[in-house]
């Protein structure tokens, strides 16, 4: 599988995810801006794609939320904006965006913008190691699937298969012994 790509799109998430997958990326996509920084960090992506088309205020807030983490990790921050919102490019730049694309654009233009953004990230940091992991908890679910893939940190605190999560806490070694899950393994719903 290709390089991780963090996508935050308030209106076009599924379309962008399909396009990125078709081009060989490993998209980690979201529709909501809550916890954007932690989700970006957990994704391990060196490129963040913020789609502000039709969602200017949400896009600006997302760039503000992710910009410090992107800078600390030498990641590129590509913003998509509608033509009518192109006047906001200065604000996106001030808040930390490194690249932009104004719609309408073609699929090949977007894919090339992603390649340019990835080259920027490679040149700026290049090693792919994350410098700030946040709390590292994340999970991934695909529509129609009956399983959830957990990050290493989420797997540590997951209940054993067949049991519901509770609010009680136990020592990590005890959880690991009962759980039997490893990071990246699917957890059946």
Protein backbone atom coordinates (compact mmCIF):
# COMPACT_ATOMS: atom_id res chain seq x y z
CA UNK A 1 0.00 0.00 0.00
CA UNK A 2 1.12 3.57 -0.70
CA UNK A 3 1.98 6.46 1.54
CA UNK A 4 -0.59 7.63 4.11
CA UNK A 5 -2.59 10.72 3.15
CA UNK A 6 -4.67 12.54 5.75
CA UNK A 7 -7.86 13.93 4.18
CA UNK A 8 -10.27 16.25 5.97
CA UNK A 9 -13.19 17.11 3.68
CA UNK A 10 -16.46 18.49 4.96
CA UNK A 11 -18.35 17.89 1.69
CA UNK A 12 -16.32 15.57 -0.62
CA UNK A 13 -14.62 13.00 1.64
CA UNK A 14 -15.74 9.86 -0.19
CA UNK A 15 -14.88 11.23 -3.64
CA UNK A 16 -11.39 12.31 -2.50
CA UNK A 17 -10.81 9.00 -0.73
CA UNK A 18 -11.63 7.00 -3.88
CA UNK A 19 -9.40 9.23 -5.99
CA UNK A 20 -6.48 8.93 -3.55
CA UNK A 21 -6.86 5.13 -3.28
CA UNK A 22 -6.93 4.85 -7.07
CA UNK A 23 -3.66 6.78 -7.25
CA UNK A 24 -1.96 4.46 -4.76
CA UNK A 25 -2.22 6.54 -1.58
CA UNK A 26 -3.42 5.13 1.74
CA UNK A 27 -6.10 7.69 2.68
CA UNK A 28 -7.12 8.32 6.27
CA UNK A 29 -10.22 10.45 5.79
CA UNK A 30 -12.57 12.44 8.02
CA UNK A 31 -15.63 14.67 7.58
CA UNK A 32 -15.47 16.51 10.89
CA UNK A 33 -12.81 18.83 12.22
CA UNK A 34 -12.99 17.75 15.86
CA UNK A 35 -9.65 16.39 17.13
CA UNK A 36 -8.13 17.11 13.71
CA UNK A 37 -4.60 17.51 15.06
CA UNK A 38 -4.64 14.21 16.98
CA UNK A 39 -6.15 12.37 14.02
CA UNK A 40 -3.57 13.86 11.66
CA UNK A 41 -0.72 12.81 13.95
CA UNK A 42 -2.14 9.32 14.40
CA UNK A 43 -2.39 8.92 10.61
CA UNK A 44 1.38 9.08 10.16
CA UNK A 45 0.84 11.06 6.95
CA UNK A 46 3.41 13.49 5.59
CA UNK A 47 0.68 15.23 3.56
CA UNK A 48 -2.58 16.64 4.93
CA UNK A 49 -5.31 17.54 2.43
CA UNK A 50 -7.85 20.00 3.82
CA UNK A 51 -10.84 20.43 1.52
CA UNK A 52 -12.44 23.78 2.33
CA UNK A 53 -14.64 23.86 -0.79
CA UNK A 54 -18.06 24.93 0.42
CA UNK A 55 -16.83 24.99 4.02
CA UNK A 56 -14.52 28.00 4.32
CA UNK A 57 -14.81 28.59 8.07
CA UNK A 58 -14.42 24.89 8.89
CA UNK A 59 -11.42 24.69 6.55
CA UNK A 60 -9.71 27.66 8.17
CA UNK A 61 -10.30 26.17 11.63
CA UNK A 62 -8.89 22.81 10.48
CA UNK A 63 -5.74 24.42 9.07
CA UNK A 64 -5.25 26.32 12.34
CA UNK A 65 -5.70 23.07 14.29
CA UNK A 66 -3.25 21.01 12.19
CA UNK A 67 -0.62 23.62 11.23
CA UNK A 68 1.67 23.29 14.27
CA UNK A 69 1.73 19.50 14.05
CA UNK A 70 2.35 19.67 10.30
CA UNK A 71 5.25 22.07 10.80
CA UNK A 72 6.75 20.03 13.65
CA UNK A 73 6.65 16.93 11.45
CA UNK A 74 7.83 18.60 8.22
CA UNK A 75 4.49 17.72 6.62
CA UNK A 76 2.82 19.50 3.73
CA UNK A 77 -0.61 21.07 4.21
CA UNK A 78 -2.55 21.27 0.93
CA UNK A 79 -5.80 23.25 0.94
CA UNK A 80 -8.57 23.02 -1.66
CA UNK A 81 -10.74 26.13 -1.99
CA UNK A 82 -13.66 27.17 -4.16
CA UNK A 83 -13.03 29.90 -6.71
CA UNK A 84 -15.40 32.21 -4.81
CA UNK A 85 -13.28 31.69 -1.66
CA UNK A 86 -9.89 32.27 -3.31
CA UNK A 87 -9.75 35.61 -1.50
CA UNK A 88 -9.10 33.58 1.69
CA UNK A 89 -5.77 32.18 0.42
CA UNK A 90 -3.84 34.75 2.47
CA UNK A 91 -5.63 33.60 5.61
CA UNK A 92 -4.89 29.94 4.83
CA UNK A 93 -1.23 30.83 4.29
CA UNK A 94 -1.06 32.81 7.53
CA UNK A 95 -2.56 29.86 9.41
CA UNK A 96 0.03 27.42 8.05
CA UNK A 97 -1.03 25.98 4.69
CA UNK A 98 1.94 25.18 2.45
CA UNK A 99 0.08 24.45 -0.81
CA UNK A 100 -3.28 25.28 -2.40
CA UNK A 101 -5.49 24.39 -5.33
CA UNK A 102 -8.47 26.50 -6.43
CA UNK A 103 -11.47 24.73 -7.98
CA UNK A 104 -12.47 23.89 -10.55
CA UNK A 105 -9.53 21.54 -11.12
CA UNK A 106 -9.13 18.19 -12.82
CA UNK A 107 -8.32 14.92 -11.09
CA UNK A 108 -4.83 14.85 -12.64
CA UNK A 109 -4.21 18.39 -11.36
CA UNK A 110 -5.17 17.34 -7.82
CA UNK A 111 -3.01 14.22 -8.00
CA UNK A 112 -0.06 16.29 -9.21
CA UNK A 113 -0.63 18.80 -6.40
CA UNK A 114 -0.43 15.88 -3.94
CA UNK A 115 2.83 14.68 -5.51
CA UNK A 116 4.31 18.18 -5.26
CA UNK A 117 3.18 18.39 -1.61
CA UNK A 118 4.76 15.00 -0.85
CA UNK A 119 8.04 16.09 -2.45
CA UNK A 120 7.96 19.20 -0.26
CA UNK A 121 7.50 17.04 2.85
CA UNK A 122 10.31 14.68 1.82
CA UNK A 123 12.69 17.59 1.28
CA UNK A 124 11.69 19.34 4.48
CA UNK A 125 11.98 16.32 6.77
CA UNK A 126 12.22 13.27 4.61
CA UNK A 127 12.63 10.64 7.31
CA UNK A 128 8.93 9.94 7.82
CA UNK A 129 9.34 9.66 11.61
CA UNK A 130 6.69 11.41 13.66
CA UNK A 131 8.00 13.91 16.14
CA UNK A 132 4.81 14.29 18.17
CA UNK A 133 2.49 11.34 18.41
CA UNK A 134 -0.22 13.02 20.48
CA UNK A 135 -1.99 10.33 22.48
CA UNK A 136 -1.75 7.97 19.48
CA UNK A 137 -5.26 6.57 19.78
CA UNK A 138 -7.13 6.03 16.55
CA UNK A 139 -9.23 3.50 14.72
CA UNK A 140 -10.33 2.85 11.19
CA UNK A 141 -13.63 1.50 9.87
CA UNK A 142 -14.77 1.10 6.27
CA UNK A 143 -18.50 1.39 5.49
CA UNK A 144 -20.07 -2.04 5.20
CA UNK A 145 -17.23 -3.72 7.11
CA UNK A 146 -17.90 -5.68 10.29
CA UNK A 147 -14.48 -4.93 11.78
CA UNK A 148 -12.48 -2.01 13.10
CA UNK A 149 -8.69 -1.67 12.78
CA UNK A 150 -7.03 -0.22 15.90
CA UNK A 151 -3.84 1.82 16.30
CA UNK A 152 -1.26 0.36 18.72
CA UNK A 153 -2.38 2.70 21.51
CA UNK A 154 -6.07 1.88 20.96
CA UNK A 155 -5.30 -1.85 20.91
CA UNK A 156 -3.69 -1.53 24.36
CA UNK A 157 -6.92 -0.31 25.90
CA UNK A 158 -9.39 -2.40 23.88
CA UNK A 159 -11.61 -4.85 25.74
CA UNK A 160 -11.17 -8.55 24.96
CA UNK A 161 -12.97 -9.80 21.83
CA UNK A 162 -16.66 -10.37 22.53
CA UNK A 163 -16.75 -7.95 25.49
CA UNK A 164 -18.04 -4.40 25.55
CA UNK A 165 -15.81 -1.53 26.63
CA UNK A 166 -16.27 -0.35 30.21
CA UNK A 167 -15.10 2.66 32.16
CA UNK A 168 -13.00 0.60 34.57
CA UNK A 169 -9.24 0.65 34.17
CA UNK A 170 -6.69 -2.10 34.68
CA UNK A 171 -2.94 -2.38 34.29
CA UNK A 172 -1.72 -2.48 30.65
CA UNK A 173 -0.16 -5.93 31.10
CA UNK A 174 -3.48 -7.28 32.40
CA UNK A 175 -5.38 -5.76 29.47
CA UNK A 176 -2.89 -7.20 27.01
CA UNK A 177 -3.16 -10.68 28.50
CA UNK A 178 -6.96 -10.73 28.28
CA UNK A 179 -7.26 -8.90 25.03
CA UNK A 180 -5.26 -10.89 22.53
CA UNK A 181 -5.31 -8.01 20.00
CA UNK A 182 -2.28 -6.55 18.29
CA UNK A 183 -2.04 -3.19 16.55
CA UNK A 184 -3.36 -3.33 13.02
CA UNK A 185 -5.47 -6.43 13.66
CA UNK A 186 -9.15 -6.26 12.90
CA UNK A 187 -11.57 -6.20 15.80
CA UNK A 188 -14.88 -7.79 14.81
CA UNK A 189 -18.04 -5.84 15.52
